[in-house]
Amino acid sequence: MEDRSRDFEAKAARAKERFGEGKKRGKAEAKKDAQFLRDNSNNPVIVGNAVVITALAGFLGWGAYKQHQAGQLDWKVAGIGAGAVGLFATADYFVSKWLFQKYPPRE
């Protein structure tokens, strides 16, 4: 029984250590991403993406709310919305990739 307890404690200590490492990596990556956004806050591609994504999210949320209020929100409607998000994300990726050639971001 003591062996199991020690085993459990050792596993818990390793998990806690790995969690701490992941937490540090996540914070470092978040700082790097925040700095990238600060450096490129005037890039028209990034600003345009922020505006369009916010508008799309608002439109989908409003539409889903209206469907829910009317009692018509089901999995088919949700699936169509998810498909629309996927299509938009794919198109946005390629358009942004093309626009970044014209307006390159600062590194």
PDB file of N, CA and C in Angstrom:
ATOM      1  N   MET A   1       0.826  -1.198   0.000  1.00  0.00           N
ATOM      2  CA  MET A   1       0.000   0.000   0.000  1.00  0.00           C
ATOM      3  C   MET A   1       0.871   1.264   0.000  1.00  0.00           C
ATOM      4  N   GLU A   2       1.985   1.232   0.749  1.00  0.00           N
ATOM      5  CA  GLU A   2       2.874   2.391   0.784  1.00  0.00           C
ATOM      6  C   GLU A   2       3.530   2.615  -0.561  1.00  0.00           C
ATOM      7  N   ASP A   3       3.831   1.530  -1.278  1.00  0.00           N
ATOM      8  CA  ASP A   3       4.435   1.648  -2.602  1.00  0.00           C
ATOM      9  C   ASP A   3       3.494   2.381  -3.553  1.00  0.00           C
ATOM     10  N   ARG A   4       2.223   2.055  -3.459  1.00  0.00           N
ATOM     11  CA  ARG A   4       1.236   2.730  -4.303  1.00  0.00           C
ATOM     12  C   ARG A   4       1.166   4.214  -3.969  1.00  0.00           C
ATOM     13  N   SER A   5       1.214   4.526  -2.696  1.00  0.00           N
ATOM     14  CA  SER A   5       1.143   5.907  -2.254  1.00  0.00           C
ATOM     15  C   SER A   5       2.356   6.688  -2.765  1.00  0.00           C
ATOM     16  N   ARG A   6       3.557   6.090  -2.654  1.00  0.00           N
ATOM     17  CA  ARG A   6       4.773   6.755  -3.143  1.00  0.00           C
ATOM     18  C   ARG A   6       4.728   6.912  -4.656  1.00  0.00           C
ATOM     19  N   ASP A   7       4.237   5.869  -5.321  1.00  0.00           N
ATOM     20  CA  ASP A   7       4.095   5.922  -6.777  1.00  0.00           C
ATOM     21  C   ASP A   7       3.170   7.069  -7.188  1.00  0.00           C
ATOM     22  N   PHE A   8       2.046   7.164  -6.487  1.00  0.00           N
ATOM     23  CA  PHE A   8       1.083   8.213  -6.782  1.00  0.00           C
ATOM     24  C   PHE A   8       1.693   9.587  -6.534  1.00  0.00           C
ATOM     25  N   GLU A   9       2.404   9.741  -5.426  1.00  0.00           N
ATOM     26  CA  GLU A   9       3.026  11.024  -5.101  1.00  0.00           C
ATOM     27  C   GLU A   9       4.090  11.390  -6.132  1.00  0.00           C
ATOM     28  N   ALA A  10       4.856  10.420  -6.584  1.00  0.00           N
ATOM     29  CA  ALA A  10       5.881  10.679  -7.594  1.00  0.00           C
ATOM     30  C   ALA A  10       5.232  11.107  -8.915  1.00  0.00           C
ATOM     31  N   LYS A  11       4.168  10.416  -9.297  1.00  0.00           N
ATOM     32  CA  LYS A  11       3.472  10.779 -10.528  1.00  0.00           C
ATOM     33  C   LYS A  11       2.869  12.171 -10.422  1.00  0.00           C
ATOM     34  N   ALA A  12       2.322  12.480  -9.264  1.00  0.00           N
ATOM     35  CA  ALA A  12       1.730  13.801  -9.055  1.00  0.00           C
ATOM     36  C   ALA A  12       2.799  14.883  -9.131  1.00  0.00           C
ATOM     37  N   ALA A  13       3.967  14.620  -8.561  1.00  0.00           N
ATOM     38  CA  ALA A  13       5.059  15.600  -8.607  1.00  0.00           C
ATOM     39  C   ALA A  13       5.533  15.817 -10.046  1.00  0.00           C
ATOM     40  N   ARG A  14       5.648  14.730 -10.816  1.00  0.00           N
ATOM     41  CA  ARG A  14       6.060  14.870 -12.223  1.00  0.00           C
ATOM     42  C   ARG A  14       5.016  15.647 -13.022  1.00  0.00           C
ATOM     43  N   ALA A  15       3.752  15.368 -12.772  1.00  0.00           N
ATOM     44  CA  ALA A  15       2.686  16.071 -13.489  1.00  0.00           C
ATOM     45  C   ALA A  15       2.697  17.557 -13.145  1.00  0.00           C
ATOM     46  N   LYS A  16       2.914  17.856 -11.877  1.00  0.00           N
ATOM     47  CA  LYS A  16       2.965  19.247 -11.447  1.00  0.00           C
ATOM     48  C   LYS A  16       4.150  19.970 -12.090  1.00  0.00           C
ATOM     49  N   GLU A  17       5.268  19.283 -12.194  1.00  0.00           N
ATOM     50  CA  GLU A  17       6.460  19.864 -12.821  1.00  0.00           C
ATOM     51  C   GLU A  17       6.207  20.121 -14.310  1.00  0.00           C
ATOM     52  N   ARG A  18       5.610  19.149 -14.987  1.00  0.00           N
ATOM     53  CA  ARG A  18       5.316  19.317 -16.412  1.00  0.00           C
ATOM     54  C   ARG A  18       4.296  20.436 -16.631  1.00  0.00           C
ATOM     55  N   PHE A  19       3.328  20.540 -15.734  1.00  0.00           N
ATOM     56  CA  PHE A  19       2.339  21.610 -15.833  1.00  0.00           C
ATOM     57  C   PHE A  19       3.014  22.964 -15.697  1.00  0.00           C
ATOM     58  N   GLY A  20       3.951  23.078 -14.762  1.00  0.00           N
ATOM     59  CA  GLY A  20       4.677  24.335 -14.572  1.00  0.00           C
ATOM     60  C   GLY A  20       5.482  24.718 -15.796  1.00  0.00           C
ATOM     61  N   GLU A  21       6.091  23.723 -16.443  1.00  0.00           N
ATOM     62  CA  GLU A  21       6.858  23.991 -17.662  1.00  0.00           C
ATOM     63  C   GLU A  21       5.933  24.479 -18.776  1.00  0.00           C
ATOM     64  N   GLY A  22       4.801  23.819 -18.909  1.00  0.00           N
ATOM     65  CA  GLY A  22       3.828  24.217 -19.939  1.00  0.00           C
ATOM     66  C   GLY A  22       3.282  25.607 -19.678  1.00  0.00           C
ATOM     67  N   LYS A  23       3.075  25.921 -18.421  1.00  0.00           N
ATOM     68  CA  LYS A  23       2.569  27.231 -18.049  1.00  0.00           C
ATOM     69  C   LYS A  23       3.574  28.316 -18.423  1.00  0.00           C
ATOM     70  N   LYS A  24       4.849  28.057 -18.156  1.00  0.00           N
ATOM     71  CA  LYS A  24       5.896  29.024 -18.510  1.00  0.00           C
ATOM     72  C   LYS A  24       5.976  29.202 -20.022  1.00  0.00           C
ATOM     73  N   ARG A  25       5.908  28.086 -20.758  1.00  0.00           N
ATOM     74  CA  ARG A  25       5.953  28.157 -22.220  1.00  0.00           C
ATOM     75  C   ARG A  25       4.761  28.938 -22.760  1.00  0.00           C
ATOM     76  N   GLY A  26       3.598  28.692 -22.181  1.00  0.00           N
ATOM     77  CA  GLY A  26       2.386  29.390 -22.613  1.00  0.00           C
ATOM     78  C   GLY A  26       2.472  30.885 -22.367  1.00  0.00           C
ATOM     79  N   LYS A  27       2.992  31.276 -21.209  1.00  0.00           N
ATOM     80  CA  LYS A  27       3.135  32.701 -20.910  1.00  0.00           C
ATOM     81  C   LYS A  27       4.124  33.365 -21.862  1.00  0.00           C
ATOM     82  N   ALA A  28       5.233  32.679 -22.152  1.00  0.00           N
ATOM     83  CA  ALA A  28       6.232  33.238 -23.060  1.00  0.00           C
ATOM     84  C   ALA A  28       5.642  33.405 -24.464  1.00  0.00           C
ATOM     85  N   GLU A  29       4.880  32.424 -24.904  1.00  0.00           N
ATOM     86  CA  GLU A  29       4.266  32.508 -26.228  1.00  0.00           C
ATOM     87  C   GLU A  29       3.213  33.609 -26.273  1.00  0.00           C
ATOM     88  N   ALA A  30       2.461  33.769 -25.207  1.00  0.00           N
ATOM     89  CA  ALA A  30       1.445  34.824 -25.152  1.00  0.00           C
ATOM     90  C   ALA A  30       2.100  36.202 -25.206  1.00  0.00           C
ATOM     91  N   LYS A  31       3.224  36.370 -24.508  1.00  0.00           N
ATOM     92  CA  LYS A  31       3.934  37.647 -24.551  1.00  0.00           C
ATOM     93  C   LYS A  31       4.445  37.930 -25.955  1.00  0.00           C
ATOM     94  N   LYS A  32       4.972  36.894 -26.609  1.00  0.00           N
ATOM     95  CA  LYS A  32       5.474  37.049 -27.971  1.00  0.00           C
ATOM     96  C   LYS A  32       4.350  37.437 -28.925  1.00  0.00           C
ATOM     97  N   ASP A  33       3.196  36.788 -28.806  1.00  0.00           N
ATOM     98  CA  ASP A  33       2.057  37.095 -29.657  1.00  0.00           C
ATOM     99  C   ASP A  33       1.526  38.503 -29.387  1.00  0.00           C
ATOM    100  N   ALA A  34       1.483  38.901 -28.130  1.00  0.00           N
ATOM    101  CA  ALA A  34       1.012  40.249 -27.786  1.00  0.00           C
ATOM    102  C   ALA A  34       1.950  41.302 -28.370  1.00  0.00           C
ATOM    103  N   GLN A  35       3.244  41.045 -28.309  1.00  0.00           N
ATOM    104  CA  GLN A  35       4.216  41.987 -28.879  1.00  0.00           C
ATOM    105  C   GLN A  35       4.038  42.077 -30.394  1.00  0.00           C
ATOM    106  N   PHE A  36       3.793  40.946 -31.046  1.00  0.00           N
ATOM    107  CA  PHE A  36       3.556  40.939 -32.491  1.00  0.00           C
ATOM    108  C   PHE A  36       2.345  41.806 -32.835  1.00  0.00           C
ATOM    109  N   LEU A  37       1.261  41.679 -32.062  1.00  0.00           N
ATOM    110  CA  LEU A  37       0.063  42.480 -32.326  1.00  0.00           C
ATOM    111  C   LEU A  37       0.313  43.960 -32.065  1.00  0.00           C
ATOM    112  N   ARG A  38       1.079  44.273 -31.022  1.00  0.00           N
ATOM    113  CA  ARG A  38       1.410  45.683 -30.757  1.00  0.00           C
ATOM    114  C   ARG A  38       2.241  46.262 -31.902  1.00  0.00           C
ATOM    115  N   ASP A  39       3.207  45.497 -32.378  1.00  0.00           N
ATOM    116  CA  ASP A  39       4.079  45.975 -33.460  1.00  0.00           C
ATOM    117  C   ASP A  39       3.318  46.143 -34.764  1.00  0.00           C
ATOM    118  N   ASN A  40       2.278  45.372 -34.972  1.00  0.00           N
ATOM    119  CA  ASN A  40       1.533  45.389 -36.226  1.00  0.00           C
ATOM    120  C   ASN A  40       0.129  45.957 -36.081  1.00  0.00           C
ATOM    121  N   SER A  41      -0.088  46.787 -35.080  1.00  0.00           N
ATOM    122  CA  SER A  41      -1.431  47.300 -34.831  1.00  0.00           C
ATOM    123  C   SER A  41      -1.923  48.224 -35.937  1.00  0.00           C
ATOM    124  N   ASN A  42      -1.022  48.708 -36.780  1.00  0.00           N
ATOM    125  CA  ASN A  42      -1.445  49.567 -37.884  1.00  0.00           C
ATOM    126  C   ASN A  42      -1.405  48.835 -39.230  1.00  0.00           C
ATOM    127  N   ASN A  43      -1.178  47.541 -39.226  1.00  0.00           N
ATOM    128  CA  ASN A  43      -1.162  46.760 -40.457  1.00  0.00           C
ATOM    129  C   ASN A  43      -2.613  46.553 -40.910  1.00  0.00           C
ATOM    130  N   PRO A  44      -2.943  46.957 -42.147  1.00  0.00           N
ATOM    131  CA  PRO A  44      -4.346  46.877 -42.581  1.00  0.00           C
ATOM    132  C   PRO A  44      -4.886  45.446 -42.654  1.00  0.00           C
ATOM    133  N   VAL A  45      -4.029  44.474 -42.862  1.00  0.00           N
ATOM    134  CA  VAL A  45      -4.496  43.089 -42.933  1.00  0.00           C
ATOM    135  C   VAL A  45      -4.954  42.628 -41.550  1.00  0.00           C
ATOM    136  N   ILE A  46      -4.177  42.919 -40.540  1.00  0.00           N
ATOM    137  CA  ILE A  46      -4.518  42.496 -39.177  1.00  0.00           C
ATOM    138  C   ILE A  46      -5.742  43.253 -38.671  1.00  0.00           C
ATOM    139  N   VAL A  47      -5.793  44.547 -38.931  1.00  0.00           N
ATOM    140  CA  VAL A  47      -6.947  45.339 -38.507  1.00  0.00           C
ATOM    141  C   VAL A  47      -8.206  44.865 -39.243  1.00  0.00           C
ATOM    142  N   GLY A  48      -8.083  44.625 -40.542  1.00  0.00           N
ATOM    143  CA  GLY A  48      -9.228  44.143 -41.324  1.00  0.00           C
ATOM    144  C   GLY A  48      -9.722  42.799 -40.834  1.00  0.00           C
ATOM    145  N   ASN A  49      -8.785  41.896 -40.522  1.00  0.00           N
ATOM    146  CA  ASN A  49      -9.183  40.586 -39.997  1.00  0.00           C
ATOM    147  C   ASN A  49      -9.937  40.739 -38.679  1.00  0.00           C
ATOM    148  N   ALA A  50      -9.452  41.606 -37.811  1.00  0.00           N
ATOM    149  CA  ALA A  50     -10.112  41.801 -36.516  1.00  0.00           C
ATOM    150  C   ALA A  50     -11.536  42.313 -36.704  1.00  0.00           C
ATOM    151  N   VAL A  51     -11.701  43.271 -37.601  1.00  0.00           N
ATOM    152  CA  VAL A  51     -13.028  43.843 -37.835  1.00  0.00           C
ATOM    153  C   VAL A  51     -13.965  42.811 -38.451  1.00  0.00           C
ATOM    154  N   VAL A  52     -13.495  42.098 -39.474  1.00  0.00           N
ATOM    155  CA  VAL A  52     -14.348  41.131 -40.169  1.00  0.00           C
ATOM    156  C   VAL A  52     -14.713  39.965 -39.251  1.00  0.00           C
ATOM    157  N   ILE A  53     -13.768  39.473 -38.476  1.00  0.00           N
ATOM    158  CA  ILE A  53     -14.048  38.347 -37.578  1.00  0.00           C
ATOM    159  C   ILE A  53     -15.036  38.765 -36.484  1.00  0.00           C
ATOM    160  N   THR A  54     -14.875  39.976 -35.977  1.00  0.00           N
ATOM    161  CA  THR A  54     -15.807  40.468 -34.960  1.00  0.00           C
ATOM    162  C   THR A  54     -17.207  40.615 -35.543  1.00  0.00           C
ATOM    163  N   ALA A  55     -17.295  41.140 -36.758  1.00  0.00           N
ATOM    164  CA  ALA A  55     -18.599  41.297 -37.402  1.00  0.00           C
ATOM    165  C   ALA A  55     -19.240  39.936 -37.673  1.00  0.00           C
ATOM    166  N   LEU A  56     -18.448  38.980 -38.156  1.00  0.00           N
ATOM    167  CA  LEU A  56     -18.988  37.647 -38.436  1.00  0.00           C
ATOM    168  C   LEU A  56     -19.477  36.979 -37.149  1.00  0.00           C
ATOM    169  N   ALA A  57     -18.703  37.094 -36.092  1.00  0.00           N
ATOM    170  CA  ALA A  57     -19.108  36.496 -34.819  1.00  0.00           C
ATOM    171  C   ALA A  57     -20.406  37.136 -34.310  1.00  0.00           C
ATOM    172  N   GLY A  58     -20.499  38.448 -34.419  1.00  0.00           N
ATOM    173  CA  GLY A  58     -21.718  39.138 -33.999  1.00  0.00           C
ATOM    174  C   GLY A  58     -22.922  38.736 -34.827  1.00  0.00           C
ATOM    175  N   PHE A  59     -22.720  38.644 -36.139  1.00  0.00           N
ATOM    176  CA  PHE A  59     -23.812  38.245 -37.033  1.00  0.00           C
ATOM    177  C   PHE A  59     -24.278  36.825 -36.730  1.00  0.00           C
ATOM    178  N   LEU A  60     -23.330  35.900 -36.566  1.00  0.00           N
ATOM    179  CA  LEU A  60     -23.712  34.513 -36.266  1.00  0.00           C
ATOM    180  C   LEU A  60     -24.403  34.404 -34.904  1.00  0.00           C
ATOM    181  N   GLY A  61     -23.899  35.144 -33.923  1.00  0.00           N
ATOM    182  CA  GLY A  61     -24.524  35.130 -32.602  1.00  0.00           C
ATOM    183  C   GLY A  61     -25.935  35.694 -32.638  1.00  0.00           C
ATOM    184  N   TRP A  62     -26.090  36.790 -33.339  1.00  0.00           N
ATOM    185  CA  TRP A  62     -27.413  37.399 -33.463  1.00  0.00           C
ATOM    186  C   TRP A  62     -28.366  36.461 -34.192  1.00  0.00           C
ATOM    187  N   GLY A  63     -27.885  35.855 -35.279  1.00  0.00           N
ATOM    188  CA  GLY A  63     -28.723  34.918 -36.032  1.00  0.00           C
ATOM    189  C   GLY A  63     -29.114  33.703 -35.202  1.00  0.00           C
ATOM    190  N   ALA A  64     -28.169  33.183 -34.450  1.00  0.00           N
ATOM    191  CA  ALA A  64     -28.464  32.028 -33.599  1.00  0.00           C
ATOM    192  C   ALA A  64     -29.474  32.400 -32.513  1.00  0.00           C
ATOM    193  N   TYR A  65     -29.327  33.600 -31.960  1.00  0.00           N
ATOM    194  CA  TYR A  65     -30.281  34.058 -30.947  1.00  0.00           C
ATOM    195  C   TYR A  65     -31.689  34.169 -31.534  1.00  0.00           C
ATOM    196  N   LYS A  66     -31.782  34.750 -32.734  1.00  0.00           N
ATOM    197  CA  LYS A  66     -33.088  34.880 -33.380  1.00  0.00           C
ATOM    198  C   LYS A  66     -33.690  33.502 -33.677  1.00  0.00           C
ATOM    199  N   GLN A  67     -32.866  32.569 -34.154  1.00  0.00           N
ATOM    200  CA  GLN A  67     -33.351  31.213 -34.409  1.00  0.00           C
ATOM    201  C   GLN A  67     -33.829  30.558 -33.114  1.00  0.00           C
ATOM    202  N   HIS A  68     -33.083  30.763 -32.042  1.00  0.00           N
ATOM    203  CA  HIS A  68     -33.460  30.186 -30.745  1.00  0.00           C
ATOM    204  C   HIS A  68     -34.784  30.771 -30.253  1.00  0.00           C
ATOM    205  N   GLN A  69     -34.930  32.083 -30.384  1.00  0.00           N
ATOM    206  CA  GLN A  69     -36.163  32.728 -29.943  1.00  0.00           C
ATOM    207  C   GLN A  69     -37.375  32.217 -30.726  1.00  0.00           C
ATOM    208  N   ALA A  70     -37.154  31.913 -31.988  1.00  0.00           N
ATOM    209  CA  ALA A  70     -38.248  31.414 -32.830  1.00  0.00           C
ATOM    210  C   ALA A  70     -38.454  29.908 -32.655  1.00  0.00           C
ATOM    211  N   GLY A  71     -37.585  29.266 -31.870  1.00  0.00           N
ATOM    212  CA  GLY A  71     -37.703  27.830 -31.657  1.00  0.00           C
ATOM    213  C   GLY A  71     -37.231  27.009 -32.844  1.00  0.00           C
ATOM    214  N   GLN A  72     -36.406  27.586 -33.694  1.00  0.00           N
ATOM    215  CA  GLN A  72     -35.948  26.910 -34.902  1.00  0.00           C
ATOM    216  C   GLN A  72     -34.469  26.559 -34.870  1.00  0.00           C
ATOM    217  N   LEU A  73     -33.808  26.791 -33.765  1.00  0.00           N
ATOM    218  CA  LEU A  73     -32.380  26.478 -33.669  1.00  0.00           C
ATOM    219  C   LEU A  73     -32.220  24.980 -33.394  1.00  0.00           C
ATOM    220  N   ASP A  74     -31.688  24.269 -34.375  1.00  0.00           N
ATOM    221  CA  ASP A  74     -31.448  22.836 -34.205  1.00  0.00           C
ATOM    222  C   ASP A  74     -30.036  22.523 -34.702  1.00  0.00           C
ATOM    223  N   TRP A  75     -29.695  21.240 -34.731  1.00  0.00           N
ATOM    224  CA  TRP A  75     -28.338  20.845 -35.112  1.00  0.00           C
ATOM    225  C   TRP A  75     -28.066  21.115 -36.582  1.00  0.00           C
ATOM    226  N   LYS A  76     -29.089  21.090 -37.408  1.00  0.00           N
ATOM    227  CA  LYS A  76     -28.894  21.388 -38.825  1.00  0.00           C
ATOM    228  C   LYS A  76     -28.473  22.853 -39.008  1.00  0.00           C
ATOM    229  N   VAL A  77     -29.153  23.743 -38.330  1.00  0.00           N
ATOM    230  CA  VAL A  77     -28.818  25.171 -38.404  1.00  0.00           C
ATOM    231  C   VAL A  77     -27.430  25.415 -37.818  1.00  0.00           C
ATOM    232  N   ALA A  78     -27.136  24.773 -36.697  1.00  0.00           N
ATOM    233  CA  ALA A  78     -25.814  24.928 -36.084  1.00  0.00           C
ATOM    234  C   ALA A  78     -24.725  24.392 -37.013  1.00  0.00           C
ATOM    235  N   GLY A  79     -24.999  23.285 -37.698  1.00  0.00           N
ATOM    236  CA  GLY A  79     -24.037  22.720 -38.635  1.00  0.00           C
ATOM    237  C   GLY A  79     -23.789  23.634 -39.825  1.00  0.00           C
ATOM    238  N   ILE A  80     -24.838  24.263 -40.303  1.00  0.00           N
ATOM    239  CA  ILE A  80     -24.690  25.221 -41.400  1.00  0.00           C
ATOM    240  C   ILE A  80     -23.831  26.400 -40.939  1.00  0.00           C
ATOM    241  N   GLY A  81     -24.063  26.866 -39.728  1.00  0.00           N
ATOM    242  CA  GLY A  81     -23.244  27.957 -39.179  1.00  0.00           C
ATOM    243  C   GLY A  81     -21.792  27.550 -39.034  1.00  0.00           C
ATOM    244  N   ALA A  82     -21.565  26.337 -38.552  1.00  0.00           N
ATOM    245  CA  ALA A  82     -20.183  25.853 -38.408  1.00  0.00           C
ATOM    246  C   ALA A  82     -19.515  25.710 -39.768  1.00  0.00           C
ATOM    247  N   GLY A  83     -20.261  25.266 -40.756  1.00  0.00           N
ATOM    248  CA  GLY A  83     -19.721  25.170 -42.111  1.00  0.00           C
ATOM    249  C   GLY A  83     -19.373  26.542 -42.668  1.00  0.00           C
ATOM    250  N   ALA A  84     -20.218  27.521 -42.390  1.00  0.00           N
ATOM    251  CA  ALA A  84     -19.948  28.887 -42.838  1.00  0.00           C
ATOM    252  C   ALA A  84     -18.675  29.424 -42.190  1.00  0.00           C
ATOM    253  N   VAL A  85     -18.490  29.132 -40.911  1.00  0.00           N
ATOM    254  CA  VAL A  85     -17.266  29.563 -40.220  1.00  0.00           C
ATOM    255  C   VAL A  85     -16.047  28.900 -40.849  1.00  0.00           C
ATOM    256  N   GLY A  86     -16.151  27.620 -41.154  1.00  0.00           N
ATOM    257  CA  GLY A  86     -15.044  26.912 -41.781  1.00  0.00           C
ATOM    258  C   GLY A  86     -14.702  27.470 -43.147  1.00  0.00           C
ATOM    259  N   LEU A  87     -15.719  27.742 -43.961  1.00  0.00           N
ATOM    260  CA  LEU A  87     -15.481  28.335 -45.279  1.00  0.00           C
ATOM    261  C   LEU A  87     -14.851  29.715 -45.156  1.00  0.00           C
ATOM    262  N   PHE A  88     -15.365  30.506 -44.217  1.00  0.00           N
ATOM    263  CA  PHE A  88     -14.793  31.832 -44.011  1.00  0.00           C
ATOM    264  C   PHE A  88     -13.338  31.739 -43.574  1.00  0.00           C
ATOM    265  N   ALA A  89     -13.043  30.830 -42.653  1.00  0.00           N
ATOM    266  CA  ALA A  89     -11.669  30.694 -42.152  1.00  0.00           C
ATOM    267  C   ALA A  89     -10.719  30.296 -43.282  1.00  0.00           C
ATOM    268  N   THR A  90     -11.155  29.400 -44.152  1.00  0.00           N
ATOM    269  CA  THR A  90     -10.319  28.985 -45.274  1.00  0.00           C
ATOM    270  C   THR A  90     -10.085  30.152 -46.229  1.00  0.00           C
ATOM    271  N   ALA A  91     -11.146  30.845 -46.584  1.00  0.00           N
ATOM    272  CA  ALA A  91     -11.007  31.996 -47.481  1.00  0.00           C
ATOM    273  C   ALA A  91     -10.142  33.080 -46.845  1.00  0.00           C
ATOM    274  N   ASP A  92     -10.356  33.332 -45.558  1.00  0.00           N
ATOM    275  CA  ASP A  92      -9.582  34.352 -44.853  1.00  0.00           C
ATOM    276  C   ASP A  92      -8.095  34.002 -44.835  1.00  0.00           C
ATOM    277  N   TYR A  93      -7.781  32.740 -44.664  1.00  0.00           N
ATOM    278  CA  TYR A  93      -6.384  32.309 -44.653  1.00  0.00           C
ATOM    279  C   TYR A  93      -5.700  32.662 -45.974  1.00  0.00           C
ATOM    280  N   PHE A  94      -6.338  32.284 -47.088  1.00  0.00           N
ATOM    281  CA  PHE A  94      -5.713  32.509 -48.387  1.00  0.00           C
ATOM    282  C   PHE A  94      -5.682  33.993 -48.759  1.00  0.00           C
ATOM    283  N   VAL A  95      -6.739  34.715 -48.460  1.00  0.00           N
ATOM    284  CA  VAL A  95      -6.758  36.155 -48.754  1.00  0.00           C
ATOM    285  C   VAL A  95      -5.714  36.872 -47.904  1.00  0.00           C
ATOM    286  N   SER A  96      -5.629  36.524 -46.628  1.00  0.00           N
ATOM    287  CA  SER A  96      -4.635  37.154 -45.754  1.00  0.00           C
ATOM    288  C   SER A  96      -3.221  36.822 -46.206  1.00  0.00           C
ATOM    289  N   LYS A  97      -3.016  35.597 -46.617  1.00  0.00           N
ATOM    290  CA  LYS A  97      -1.693  35.196 -47.108  1.00  0.00           C
ATOM    291  C   LYS A  97      -1.299  36.049 -48.309  1.00  0.00           C
ATOM    292  N   TRP A  98      -2.238  36.289 -49.215  1.00  0.00           N
ATOM    293  CA  TRP A  98      -1.984  37.105 -50.390  1.00  0.00           C
ATOM    294  C   TRP A  98      -1.749  38.567 -49.988  1.00  0.00           C
ATOM    295  N   LEU A  99      -2.584  39.087 -49.080  1.00  0.00           N
ATOM    296  CA  LEU A  99      -2.445  40.478 -48.657  1.00  0.00           C
ATOM    297  C   LEU A  99      -1.164  40.717 -47.854  1.00  0.00           C
ATOM    298  N   PHE A 100      -0.703  39.714 -47.121  1.00  0.00           N
ATOM    299  CA  PHE A 100       0.547  39.875 -46.372  1.00  0.00           C
ATOM    300  C   PHE A 100       1.746  40.042 -47.304  1.00  0.00           C
ATOM    301  N   GLN A 101       1.604  39.624 -48.548  1.00  0.00           N
ATOM    302  CA  GLN A 101       2.679  39.874 -49.518  1.00  0.00           C
ATOM    303  C   GLN A 101       2.731  41.352 -49.883  1.00  0.00           C
ATOM    304  N   LYS A 102       1.569  41.993 -49.932  1.00  0.00           N
ATOM    305  CA  LYS A 102       1.502  43.431 -50.220  1.00  0.00           C
ATOM    306  C   LYS A 102       1.828  44.262 -48.979  1.00  0.00           C
ATOM    307  N   TYR A 103       1.347  43.837 -47.839  1.00  0.00           N
ATOM    308  CA  TYR A 103       1.525  44.563 -46.582  1.00  0.00           C
ATOM    309  C   TYR A 103       2.184  43.624 -45.566  1.00  0.00           C
ATOM    310  N   PRO A 104       3.488  43.401 -45.687  1.00  0.00           N
ATOM    311  CA  PRO A 104       4.134  42.429 -44.800  1.00  0.00           C
ATOM    312  C   PRO A 104       4.125  42.892 -43.337  1.00  0.00           C
ATOM    313  N   PRO A 105       3.940  41.955 -42.432  1.00  0.00           N
ATOM    314  CA  PRO A 105       3.968  42.307 -41.012  1.00  0.00           C
ATOM    315  C   PRO A 105       5.401  42.522 -40.540  1.00  0.00           C
ATOM    316  N   ARG A 106       5.530  43.284 -39.490  1.00  0.00           N
ATOM    317  CA  ARG A 106       6.843  43.456 -38.850  1.00  0.00           C
ATOM    318  C   ARG A 106       7.123  42.215 -38.033  1.00  0.00           C
ATOM    319  N   GLU A 107       8.352  41.800 -38.036  1.00  0.00           N
ATOM    320  CA  GLU A 107       8.715  40.594 -37.284  1.00  0.00           C
ATOM    321  C   GLU A 107       9.093  40.916 -35.879  1.00  0.00           C
TER     322      GLU A 107
END
